Protein backbone atom coordinates (compact mmCIF):
# COMPACT_ATOMS: atom_id res chain seq x y z
CA MET A 1 -0.06 0.23 0.06
CA ALA A 2 3.08 2.72 1.05
CA ASP A 3 4.27 4.96 -2.03
CA GLU A 4 0.60 5.29 -3.20
CA ARG A 5 -0.97 8.62 -4.12
CA THR A 6 -2.95 9.55 -1.31
CA LEU A 7 -6.00 12.32 -0.70
CA LEU A 8 -6.48 13.38 2.63
CA ILE A 9 -9.66 15.48 2.48
CA GLY A 10 -10.39 17.79 5.45
CA LEU A 11 -14.21 18.45 6.19
CA ASP A 12 -14.58 21.03 8.93
CA GLY A 13 -17.11 20.84 11.40
CA LEU A 14 -19.11 17.37 9.75
CA ASP A 15 -20.94 15.31 12.31
CA TRP A 16 -22.46 12.10 12.03
CA SER A 17 -25.61 13.05 13.81
CA GLU A 18 -25.95 16.11 10.81
CA ILE A 19 -25.40 14.09 8.33
CA ASP A 20 -25.69 10.38 8.60
CA SER A 21 -29.48 10.19 7.26
CA TRP A 22 -27.60 11.75 3.72
CA ILE A 23 -25.24 8.92 4.14
CA SER A 24 -27.79 6.73 4.24
CA ASP A 25 -30.36 8.05 1.63
CA GLY A 26 -27.39 8.25 -0.73
CA THR A 27 -27.92 12.12 -1.00
CA LEU A 28 -23.73 12.26 -0.36
CA SER A 29 -23.21 10.06 -2.74
CA ASN A 30 -19.69 9.92 -2.35
CA MET A 31 -19.51 9.83 1.81
CA SER A 32 -21.72 7.22 1.50
CA ARG A 33 -19.89 5.04 -1.15
CA ILE A 34 -16.38 5.06 0.68
CA LYS A 35 -18.53 4.36 4.25
CA SER A 36 -20.08 1.56 2.63
CA THR A 37 -17.30 -0.37 1.18
CA GLY A 38 -14.58 1.40 2.97
CA SER A 39 -14.17 2.32 6.76
CA ALA A 40 -16.21 4.64 8.71
CA ARG A 41 -14.98 6.05 12.81
CA ASP A 42 -15.69 8.09 14.82
CA LEU A 43 -12.84 10.95 15.43
CA ALA A 44 -11.95 12.95 18.40
CA SER A 45 -10.66 16.35 18.88
CA THR A 46 -8.78 18.04 20.78
CA HIS A 47 -9.47 19.96 23.54
CA PRO A 48 -10.69 22.58 23.08
CA PRO A 49 -12.58 21.01 19.74
CA TRP A 50 -12.02 24.36 17.72
CA THR A 51 -10.34 24.38 14.57
CA PRO A 52 -7.26 26.59 15.06
CA CYS A 53 -5.92 23.85 17.37
CA ALA A 54 -7.49 20.84 15.73
CA TRP A 55 -6.30 21.12 12.49
CA PRO A 56 -2.86 21.48 13.47
CA SER A 57 -2.73 18.20 15.77
CA LEU A 58 -4.46 16.62 13.35
CA LEU A 59 -1.22 17.82 10.63
CA SER A 60 1.30 17.31 13.05
CA GLY A 61 -0.16 14.04 14.95
CA ARG A 62 0.33 15.77 18.32
CA ASN A 63 -1.67 17.03 21.01
CA PRO A 64 -1.79 21.20 21.92
CA GLY A 65 0.38 20.59 24.78
CA LYS A 66 3.20 19.91 22.01
CA HIS A 67 2.31 22.05 19.29
CA GLY A 68 1.72 25.22 21.49
CA VAL A 69 -2.01 26.48 20.28
CA PHE A 70 -4.65 26.31 22.35
CA ASP A 71 -7.55 28.88 20.75
CA PHE A 72 -7.71 31.18 17.81
CA PHE A 73 -5.09 33.44 19.48
CA THR A 74 -1.52 33.19 21.31
CA GLN A 75 -0.71 36.31 23.97
CA ASP A 76 2.05 38.73 24.11
CA ARG A 77 1.33 39.11 28.27
CA TYR A 78 -2.34 39.97 28.62
CA ASP A 79 -2.45 41.33 24.53
CA LYS A 80 -3.64 38.55 22.23
CA ARG A 81 -2.80 38.08 18.15
CA LEU A 82 -4.36 35.43 15.91
CA ILE A 83 -2.23 32.38 15.69
CA LYS A 84 0.06 32.00 12.31
CA ARG A 85 2.02 28.89 10.91
CA PRO A 86 5.23 29.92 13.13
CA ASP A 87 3.48 29.96 16.38
CA VAL A 88 2.63 25.87 15.85
CA ASP A 89 6.06 24.43 17.35
CA ALA A 90 5.48 20.90 15.16
CA PRO A 91 6.35 20.00 12.03
CA TYR A 92 3.32 19.82 9.60
CA LEU A 93 2.88 15.91 7.56
CA PHE A 94 3.40 17.59 4.37
CA GLU A 95 6.05 19.63 5.23
CA ALA A 96 7.58 15.97 6.65
CA ALA A 97 6.61 14.27 3.50
CA ASP A 98 8.53 17.38 1.53
CA GLY A 99 12.10 16.10 3.47
CA TYR A 100 11.74 12.71 2.67
CA GLY A 101 11.28 13.97 -1.12
CA ARG A 102 7.78 13.35 -1.66
CA THR A 103 5.45 15.98 -3.61
CA SER A 104 2.32 17.35 -1.43
CA LEU A 105 -0.21 19.51 -3.09
CA VAL A 106 -1.94 21.49 0.01
CA VAL A 107 -5.30 23.01 -0.16
CA ASN A 108 -6.79 25.59 2.15
CA TYR A 109 -5.80 24.14 5.39
CA PRO A 110 -6.35 26.15 8.09
CA VAL A 111 -3.14 27.45 9.89
CA THR A 112 -0.72 27.06 7.04
CA HIS A 113 -0.15 31.12 6.61
CA PRO A 114 2.67 31.98 6.25
CA ALA A 115 3.14 29.43 3.33
CA SER A 116 5.76 26.76 3.52
CA GLN A 117 8.49 26.81 0.85
CA LEU A 118 8.74 23.25 -0.26
CA ASP A 119 11.05 21.85 -2.46
CA ASN A 120 8.47 19.51 -3.79
CA GLY A 121 4.89 20.81 -4.47
CA ALA A 122 2.67 23.91 -3.71
CA VAL A 123 0.90 25.49 -0.61
CA ILE A 124 -2.45 27.44 -0.63
CA PRO A 125 -3.29 28.90 2.42
CA GLY A 126 -6.53 28.66 4.21
CA TYR A 127 -8.63 29.88 7.09
CA LEU A 128 -7.23 32.71 10.11
CA ALA A 129 -4.83 33.57 6.57
CA ARG A 130 -5.47 36.99 4.68
CA GLU A 131 -7.47 36.36 1.47
CA ASP A 132 -4.77 37.89 0.06
CA ALA A 133 -2.01 35.88 1.62
CA PRO A 134 1.34 34.68 -0.69
CA PHE A 135 0.63 31.10 -2.49
CA TYR A 136 4.25 29.17 -2.63
CA PRO A 137 5.19 29.21 -4.97
CA GLU A 138 4.20 33.16 -5.38
CA HIS A 139 2.97 32.91 -9.01
CA LEU A 140 0.69 30.25 -8.59
CA ARG A 141 -2.00 32.44 -7.96
CA VAL A 142 -1.93 34.74 -11.05
CA GLU A 143 -2.24 31.73 -12.85
CA TYR A 144 -4.90 30.27 -11.24
CA GLU A 145 -6.62 33.12 -11.27
CA ASN A 146 -5.86 33.88 -15.27
CA GLU A 147 -7.76 30.38 -15.68
CA TYR A 148 -10.41 30.10 -13.11
CA GLY A 149 -11.00 33.62 -11.17
CA GLU A 150 -10.51 34.44 -8.19
CA TYR A 151 -9.30 32.34 -5.57
CA ARG A 152 -11.43 32.86 -2.31
CA ILE A 153 -10.31 32.02 1.26
CA TYR A 154 -13.92 33.23 2.95
CA PRO A 155 -17.23 33.28 1.91
CA GLU A 156 -19.73 36.24 2.98
CA TYR A 157 -20.95 35.32 6.24
CA GLY A 158 -24.80 36.35 6.94
CA THR A 159 -25.12 37.13 2.96
CA ASN A 160 -28.55 38.68 2.58
CA ASP A 161 -28.07 37.25 -1.35
CA ASP A 162 -28.43 33.35 -2.35
CA ALA A 163 -26.46 32.34 0.64
CA VAL A 164 -26.42 28.64 -1.08
CA ALA A 165 -24.69 29.83 -4.26
CA GLU A 166 -21.98 32.18 -1.92
CA TYR A 167 -20.62 29.03 -0.18
CA VAL A 168 -21.00 26.55 -3.40
CA ASP A 169 -19.12 28.92 -4.82
CA VAL A 170 -16.29 29.08 -2.36
CA ALA A 171 -15.91 25.25 -2.51
CA ARG A 172 -15.81 25.04 -5.46
CA CYS A 173 -12.64 26.97 -5.59
CA ARG A 174 -10.97 24.41 -3.82
CA ARG A 175 -12.34 21.57 -6.65
CA ASP A 176 -10.88 24.08 -9.24
CA MET A 177 -7.28 24.57 -7.29
CA ALA A 178 -6.78 20.76 -6.66
CA ARG A 179 -7.76 20.61 -10.64
CA PHE A 180 -5.00 23.34 -10.97
CA LEU A 181 -2.46 21.85 -9.37
CA ASP A 182 -3.16 18.02 -10.70
CA GLU A 183 -1.79 19.63 -14.27
CA ARG A 184 1.48 20.75 -13.13
CA TYR A 185 2.74 18.41 -10.06
CA ASP A 186 2.98 14.56 -10.26
CA TRP A 187 1.95 14.38 -6.75
CA ASP A 188 2.27 11.97 -3.85
CA LEU A 189 -0.02 13.87 -1.06
CA LEU A 190 -3.30 15.52 -2.16
CA ALA A 191 -4.68 17.32 0.76
CA VAL A 192 -7.99 19.84 0.23
CA GLN A 193 -9.70 20.77 2.98
CA PHE A 194 -13.44 22.50 3.19
CA GLN A 195 -14.28 25.33 5.48
CA VAL A 196 -17.90 25.66 4.45
CA THR A 197 -18.48 22.55 5.63
CA ASP A 198 -18.40 24.19 9.34
CA SER A 199 -19.60 27.58 8.45
CA VAL A 200 -22.92 26.78 7.07
CA PHE A 201 -23.95 25.03 10.25
CA HIS A 202 -22.76 28.63 12.22
CA ASP A 203 -24.65 30.89 9.44
CA LEU A 204 -27.43 28.28 8.17
CA ASP A 205 -30.92 27.88 9.57
CA ASP A 206 -32.66 25.93 6.95
CA ARG A 207 -31.69 22.57 6.60
CA ASP A 208 -32.44 22.07 3.42
CA GLU A 209 -29.99 24.94 2.24
CA ILE A 210 -27.55 23.17 4.32
CA ARG A 211 -27.73 20.23 2.48
CA ARG A 212 -27.79 21.48 -0.93
CA VAL A 213 -24.50 23.22 0.05
CA LEU A 214 -22.93 19.60 1.05
CA GLU A 215 -24.33 18.16 -1.85
CA LYS A 216 -21.95 20.15 -3.65
CA VAL A 217 -19.33 19.89 -1.95
CA ASP A 218 -19.38 15.87 -1.86
CA GLU A 219 -19.86 16.17 -5.39
CA PHE A 220 -16.18 18.02 -5.38
CA VAL A 221 -14.97 15.68 -3.10
CA GLY A 222 -15.30 12.85 -5.76
CA ASP A 223 -14.14 15.15 -8.11
CA ILE A 224 -11.07 15.34 -6.19
CA ILE A 225 -10.66 11.86 -5.57
CA ASP A 226 -10.66 11.43 -9.69
CA LEU A 227 -7.72 13.02 -9.74
CA GLY A 228 -6.04 10.53 -7.55
CA GLY A 229 -6.74 7.50 -10.70
CA GLY A 230 -6.04 3.98 -10.36
CA ASP A 231 -6.36 3.34 -6.34
CA PRO A 232 -5.67 5.51 -4.03
CA THR A 233 -5.62 5.86 -0.40
CA VAL A 234 -8.08 8.27 0.35
CA LEU A 235 -9.34 9.87 4.25
CA LEU A 236 -11.82 12.08 4.54
CA ALA A 237 -11.96 13.71 7.92
CA SER A 238 -13.47 16.32 10.17
CA ASP A 239 -11.31 17.89 12.91
CA HIS A 240 -14.66 17.95 15.53
CA GLY A 241 -18.17 17.44 15.20
CA MET A 242 -21.75 19.86 15.09
CA GLY A 243 -24.45 19.76 17.26
CA ASP A 244 -27.00 21.30 19.27
CA TYR A 245 -25.74 24.13 21.69
CA ASP A 246 -28.51 25.58 25.07
CA TRP A 247 -26.32 28.62 26.46
CA THR A 248 -24.25 31.01 26.58
CA PHE A 249 -21.79 30.51 29.82
CA TYR A 250 -19.72 33.90 30.47
CA ALA A 251 -16.66 32.07 32.28
CA ASN A 252 -15.38 36.02 33.45
CA SER A 253 -18.76 37.62 34.93
CA TRP A 254 -18.97 34.67 37.14
CA LEU A 255 -15.30 35.05 37.94
CA ALA A 256 -16.16 38.75 38.85
CA ASN A 257 -19.20 37.73 40.84
CA HIS A 258 -17.07 35.53 42.84
CA GLY A 259 -14.35 38.05 44.06
CA TYR A 260 -11.46 36.63 41.31
CA CYS A 261 -11.97 38.73 38.89
CA GLU A 262 -11.59 42.66 38.34
CA THR A 263 -12.77 44.53 34.98
CA THR A 264 -12.41 47.91 33.71
CA THR A 265 -13.81 49.41 30.86
CA GLY A 266 -11.39 49.31 27.58
CA ASP A 267 -11.29 47.81 23.78
CA THR A 268 -12.51 44.52 23.60
CA GLN A 269 -10.51 42.04 21.56
CA TYR A 270 -12.29 38.92 19.80
CA PHE A 271 -11.59 36.99 16.72
CA ARG A 272 -15.26 38.19 14.83
CA GLN A 273 -13.51 41.59 15.06
CA ALA A 274 -10.85 40.33 12.99
CA LYS A 275 -12.68 38.69 10.13
CA ASP A 276 -12.72 42.38 8.26
CA GLU A 277 -9.16 42.10 8.34
CA LEU A 278 -8.83 38.41 6.54
CA LYS A 279 -11.55 38.97 4.28
CA GLY A 280 -9.35 42.32 2.97
CA LYS A 281 -12.40 44.58 3.33
CA ASP A 282 -12.70 47.59 1.63
CA GLU A 283 -12.66 50.88 4.01
CA GLU A 284 -16.49 51.61 2.44
CA SER A 285 -17.62 48.03 4.09
CA LYS A 286 -15.74 48.56 7.26
CA ASP A 287 -17.15 52.64 7.41
CA GLU A 288 -20.81 50.87 7.76
CA ARG A 289 -20.27 48.35 9.78
CA SER A 290 -17.98 51.33 12.16
CA LEU A 291 -21.56 53.11 11.49
CA LEU A 292 -23.65 50.32 13.08
CA GLU A 293 -20.77 49.48 15.89
CA THR A 294 -21.04 53.16 16.71
CA ALA A 295 -25.02 52.79 17.08
CA VAL A 296 -24.87 50.17 19.51
CA GLU A 297 -22.08 51.56 21.55
CA THR A 298 -23.66 54.54 22.16
CA ALA A 299 -27.17 53.03 23.08
CA ALA A 300 -24.86 50.61 25.09
CA SER A 301 -23.61 54.56 26.81
CA ALA A 302 -27.29 55.43 27.00
CA ALA A 303 -28.18 52.66 29.07
CA THR A 304 -24.97 52.76 31.37
CA THR A 305 -26.27 56.18 32.09
CA ALA A 306 -30.00 54.96 32.71
CA GLY A 307 -28.99 52.84 35.76
CA LEU A 308 -27.85 49.44 34.27
CA SER A 309 -24.94 47.58 35.17
CA PRO A 310 -21.90 47.02 32.59
CA GLN A 311 -23.66 43.07 32.61
CA ARG A 312 -27.01 43.68 31.91
CA ILE A 313 -26.53 46.25 28.90
CA HIS A 314 -27.75 44.02 26.21
CA ARG A 315 -30.94 44.25 28.25
CA GLY A 316 -32.09 48.10 27.60
CA LEU A 317 -30.85 48.38 23.86
CA SER A 318 -34.52 47.01 22.70
CA THR A 319 -35.64 50.81 25.64
CA VAL A 320 -33.66 52.92 24.10
CA GLY A 321 -34.89 52.43 20.52
CA LEU A 322 -32.21 49.71 18.75
CA ALA A 323 -34.31 47.02 18.96
CA ALA A 324 -34.88 46.50 14.83
CA ILE A 325 -30.72 46.84 14.81
CA VAL A 326 -30.40 44.23 17.10
CA GLU A 327 -32.45 41.81 15.23
CA ARG A 328 -30.51 42.54 11.80
CA LEU A 329 -26.84 41.49 13.63
CA LEU A 330 -25.73 38.00 14.60
CA PRO A 331 -27.12 37.84 18.36
CA GLU A 332 -23.30 37.76 19.51
CA ASP A 333 -22.17 40.62 17.55
CA ALA A 334 -25.28 42.63 19.23
CA LEU A 335 -23.60 41.57 22.55
CA VAL A 336 -19.97 41.96 21.74
CA ALA A 337 -20.46 45.86 20.44
CA ALA A 338 -22.52 46.51 23.96
CA GLN A 339 -20.61 45.29 26.10
CA ASN A 340 -17.38 48.02 27.04
CA GLN A 341 -15.67 45.94 30.09
CA VAL A 342 -12.67 43.91 29.90
CA VAL A 343 -10.50 41.85 32.59
CA ASP A 344 -8.41 44.45 34.98
CA TYR A 345 -5.57 42.06 34.56
CA SER A 346 -3.63 43.63 37.52
CA ASN A 347 -6.01 43.58 39.86
CA SER A 348 -7.44 40.01 39.06
CA ALA A 349 -6.44 36.47 40.20
CA ALA A 350 -8.40 34.52 37.73
CA PHE A 351 -10.13 35.06 33.82
CA GLN A 352 -10.44 33.10 30.90
CA LEU A 353 -7.74 34.73 28.68
CA TYR A 354 -8.65 33.87 25.20
CA PHE A 355 -12.38 33.78 25.23
CA ASN A 356 -12.79 31.04 23.31
CA SER A 357 -10.57 28.79 25.29
CA LEU A 358 -12.41 26.44 27.51
CA GLY A 359 -10.04 27.23 30.07
CA ILE A 360 -9.47 29.66 32.89
CA HIS A 361 -6.01 31.26 33.70
CA LEU A 362 -4.82 32.04 36.75
CA ASN A 363 -2.37 35.37 37.71
CA VAL A 364 0.76 34.18 39.22
CA GLU A 365 3.26 35.94 40.66
CA GLY A 366 6.92 35.99 38.87
CA ARG A 367 5.12 34.01 36.05
CA ASP A 368 2.32 36.45 34.55
CA PRO A 369 3.55 40.34 33.61
CA ALA A 370 0.96 41.30 36.68
CA GLY A 371 0.55 38.28 38.79
CA THR A 372 -1.90 38.49 42.07
CA ILE A 373 -1.79 34.63 43.39
CA PRO A 374 1.98 34.29 45.29
CA GLU A 375 3.09 31.08 43.91
CA ALA A 376 2.70 29.19 47.27
CA ASP A 377 -1.04 29.45 46.87
CA TYR A 378 -1.14 28.42 43.33
CA GLU A 379 -2.27 24.80 44.07
CA GLU A 380 -4.82 25.99 46.65
CA VAL A 381 -6.82 28.51 44.22
CA ARG A 382 -6.46 25.98 41.59
CA ALA A 383 -8.28 23.62 43.60
CA GLU A 384 -10.60 26.30 45.35
CA LEU A 385 -11.45 27.02 41.72
CA VAL A 386 -12.16 23.11 40.13
CA GLU A 387 -14.17 22.68 42.81
CA LYS A 388 -16.50 26.09 42.68
CA LEU A 389 -16.72 25.78 38.68
CA GLU A 390 -17.83 21.60 38.77
CA ARG A 391 -20.67 22.92 40.94
CA VAL A 392 -21.87 25.37 38.80
CA ARG A 393 -25.58 25.40 37.48
CA ASP A 394 -27.52 26.96 35.01
CA PRO A 395 -30.66 28.63 35.37
CA ASP A 396 -32.76 25.14 34.84
CA GLY A 397 -30.65 23.84 37.61
CA GLU A 398 -28.68 21.46 35.56
CA LEU A 399 -24.70 21.26 36.04
CA VAL A 400 -22.57 23.46 33.26
CA PHE A 401 -19.31 21.15 33.39
CA ASP A 402 -18.68 17.35 32.97
CA ALA A 403 -15.75 17.67 34.36
CA VAL A 404 -12.87 20.40 35.69
CA ARG A 405 -9.80 19.50 35.35
CA PRO A 406 -6.05 20.59 35.79
CA ARG A 407 -3.98 21.28 32.65
CA GLU A 408 -1.53 18.34 33.36
CA GLU A 409 -4.60 16.18 32.92
CA VAL A 410 -5.35 16.80 29.78
CA TYR A 411 -2.00 18.04 27.86
CA GLU A 412 1.69 16.68 27.81
CA GLY A 413 4.45 18.23 26.27
CA GLU A 414 6.73 21.63 26.32
CA HIS A 415 4.31 24.09 25.93
CA LEU A 416 2.32 22.95 29.27
CA GLU A 417 2.73 25.87 30.80
CA ASP A 418 1.35 27.64 27.52
CA ALA A 419 -2.04 25.81 28.45
CA PRO A 420 -4.93 27.55 30.11
CA ASP A 421 -4.52 26.44 34.13
CA ILE A 422 -8.11 25.21 34.12
CA ALA A 423 -9.53 23.02 31.42
CA LEU A 424 -13.19 23.20 31.14
CA PHE A 425 -15.51 20.60 30.01
CA PRO A 426 -19.05 22.01 29.09
CA ARG A 427 -22.03 19.10 29.82
CA ASP A 428 -22.45 17.36 26.52
CA TYR A 429 -20.91 20.25 24.70
CA ARG A 430 -24.54 22.26 24.99
CA TYR A 431 -22.65 25.30 26.33
CA ASP A 432 -20.41 28.05 25.11
CA VAL A 433 -17.90 29.26 27.15
CA SER A 434 -17.29 32.82 26.87
CA GLY A 435 -15.19 35.30 27.74
CA SER A 436 -17.23 38.50 27.02
CA ILE A 437 -18.61 40.40 30.71
CA LEU A 438 -22.10 40.31 30.50
CA ASP A 439 -24.88 38.34 32.47
CA THR A 440 -23.38 35.34 33.65
CA PHE A 441 -25.82 32.95 31.46
CA ARG A 442 -27.88 33.62 27.92
CA ARG A 443 -30.10 31.16 26.75
CA TYR A 444 -29.00 31.03 23.28
CA PRO A 445 -29.66 27.75 21.48
CA HIS A 446 -27.28 27.41 18.44
CA LYS A 447 -25.35 24.71 16.61
CA ASN A 448 -21.66 24.86 18.42
CA HIS A 449 -18.43 22.40 17.77
CA LYS A 450 -18.82 19.24 19.14
CA PRO A 451 -15.61 17.00 20.39
CA GLU A 452 -16.08 14.06 17.75
CA GLY A 453 -15.97 14.18 14.33
CA ILE A 454 -15.62 11.61 11.26
CA LEU A 455 -13.11 9.58 9.54
CA LEU A 456 -13.98 7.88 6.31
CA SER A 457 -11.41 6.12 4.23
CA ASN A 458 -11.82 3.84 1.67
CA ARG A 459 -8.92 0.75 3.41
CA PRO A 460 -9.57 -1.11 6.95
CA LEU A 461 -9.13 1.25 9.62
CA ASP A 462 -8.22 -0.46 12.90
CA ALA A 463 -11.25 -0.83 15.03
CA GLY A 464 -9.45 -2.14 18.14
CA LYS A 465 -8.60 1.90 19.42
CA GLN A 466 -11.00 5.28 19.42
CA ALA A 467 -9.76 7.07 16.38
CA GLU A 468 -8.27 10.38 17.17
CA ILE A 469 -7.17 13.53 15.81
CA HIS A 470 -3.77 12.74 16.38
CA ASP A 471 -3.70 9.67 14.13
CA VAL A 472 -4.66 10.98 11.10
CA ALA A 473 -0.65 12.52 10.28
CA PRO A 474 0.73 9.14 11.08
CA THR A 475 -1.61 7.00 9.23
CA VAL A 476 -1.20 9.10 5.88
CA ALA A 477 2.66 9.26 6.81
CA ALA A 478 2.54 5.50 6.46
CA ALA A 479 0.69 5.59 3.56
CA LEU A 480 2.98 7.68 1.57
CA GLY A 481 6.27 5.22 2.49
CA ILE A 482 7.74 7.59 4.63
CA PRO A 483 8.89 7.33 8.39
CA VAL A 484 6.42 8.02 11.27
CA ASP A 485 7.29 10.79 14.00
CA THR A 486 8.51 9.46 17.24
CA ASN A 487 7.17 12.27 19.07
CA THR A 488 3.55 11.85 17.47
CA ASP A 489 0.81 10.76 20.21
CA GLY A 490 -1.07 9.34 17.32
CA GLU A 491 -1.07 5.76 15.98
CA VAL A 492 -1.35 4.40 12.73
CA LEU A 493 -5.14 2.78 11.56
CA LEU A 494 -4.56 1.51 8.04
CA ASP A 495 -2.96 -2.41 8.47
CA ILE A 496 0.27 -1.86 6.73
CA GLU A 497 2.47 -5.02 5.49
CA GLU A 498 5.69 -3.15 5.41
CA GLN A 499 7.62 -2.73 8.47
CA ILE A 500 7.07 0.65 9.84
CA GLU A 501 10.09 2.93 10.07
CA ARG A 502 10.07 5.84 12.73
CA GLU A 503 12.20 9.37 12.58
CA ASN A 504 11.69 12.31 14.37
CA TRP A 505 10.39 15.28 12.23
CA ASP A 506 11.42 18.02 13.93
CA GLY A 507 14.95 17.72 12.11
CA ILE A 508 12.90 18.38 9.17
CA SER A 509 13.70 22.43 8.00
CA HIS A 510 12.44 25.02 5.62
CA GLU A 511 11.68 28.46 5.11
CA TYR A 512 8.35 30.33 5.00
CA VAL A 513 7.36 32.82 2.47
CA ASP A 514 7.64 36.13 4.60
CA GLY A 515 11.35 34.96 5.18
CA ARG A 516 10.86 33.03 8.18
CA SER A 517 12.86 30.00 9.41
CA ASN A 518 10.83 26.67 10.94
CA GLU A 519 13.89 26.14 13.10
CA ALA A 520 13.02 29.41 15.03
CA SER A 521 9.76 28.61 15.90
CA SER A 522 10.33 26.25 19.02
CA SER A 523 10.80 30.25 20.40
CA VAL A 524 8.14 31.18 22.19
CA GLU A 525 9.56 34.82 22.12
CA ASP A 526 10.29 35.18 18.62
CA ARG A 527 6.59 33.54 18.01
CA LEU A 528 5.43 36.78 19.86
CA ALA A 529 7.59 39.04 18.02
CA ASP A 530 5.02 39.31 14.85
CA LEU A 531 1.87 41.00 16.26
CA GLY A 532 0.21 40.20 13.05
CA TYR A 533 -3.56 41.33 12.23
CA MET A 534 -4.22 42.18 16.23
CA GLY A 535 -1.21 44.29 16.97
């Protein structure tokens, strides 16, 4: 089996519970065929099961404690910026394949910017890159767009036009790019990722519209598999699942109410605020957005003057005449625009720093810039917080968390110290845990990430173990006939007859298109020196 062509197709956010009926009735015909003739498994994600830490684990075979990414952001003291490829302190599968003389074509995988300069092959960056991020080799963008038209990373989320056509158009770019590169390279690994399979569940409520988008993605998947010719090894993987959520729990509000967190007035810093930058929005569209946000912020100020606490400002929006505007905004966007309270780090003992990390940071003297907890009290304070968080109940009286654990019980590796001190596991993953400072709870039915994605292959997969996201990189490496990383957290899931060689991938070096070398990626100071989009 080794040394055959291999296809790794990423389908962000797909969950059996959301798509199984469409596989069973043949709507998703290519996935249905692979499931019926090959293997289909659950695929356990990272903690948290978010795109920016899960895909680096899938591509590297290492847990976040080794590669160092736990959220959309990385920190510089208490400030945050969006992560980039050099923040991932681990070699990726396709970089290792390049080092062993294999040709890889990589299309749209998240956190692949700036693109790696491969000796053999091409990298087209995906999610979290700017819309105009350079390809590698850089001449490919002009050549592709001359033939196929504009290459787009991002759809227009929440568009008032034909949402299905918008998502399908973006997905088609992935298929077209695969065809374009296939004409130019004799490849060993073709790795293509579809992000819209996640976005449609966040953005669309109509199941028929979601089905129509996924049906086209499935068609494009079939087209990409056809590029492998003969009998290539095919793996389809999602980085996490998707399902129903009921509530948002505002961790920093809870911490403030219990005396661990102090707040002050300031500018918020969220992933959604970086989207216009990533998508290269023109100044006119950003000005329109700014006018709307200013209107909501003005209403927030009026509500504050009227005596409403910052945590309850959003309840006052309708009383000051902005109900219609709020209805036109995504619910969370309206609330973020309304609140102007942030953590006062120099006076706080604990806080959720990253807003989405499912983790609580303790502010420790000698470790953190403005630490307030003496090092000698660290374990006592953490144990106290763990115990209290384990008992938190929502307004319906239900426990919010299935588990609350110290970070060393969840992660391992040289970046353990970069992880939140406390890891939160929401009950049945039906709760968002937000760092916004609002009411402690908000009832908010919606779709969001679940901890188990899907794994499909046209080859038999080992049924004797729970498949984990870390298993994908060593499995693909074995299929390519290259040594498996000795520092992987995963296992080879394919039944490989040949003896599997093992070598440490850390010795494989390359440069990125911005001129940096991956040899510097192990230095936290060097990684954080680039302030990126959130500087």
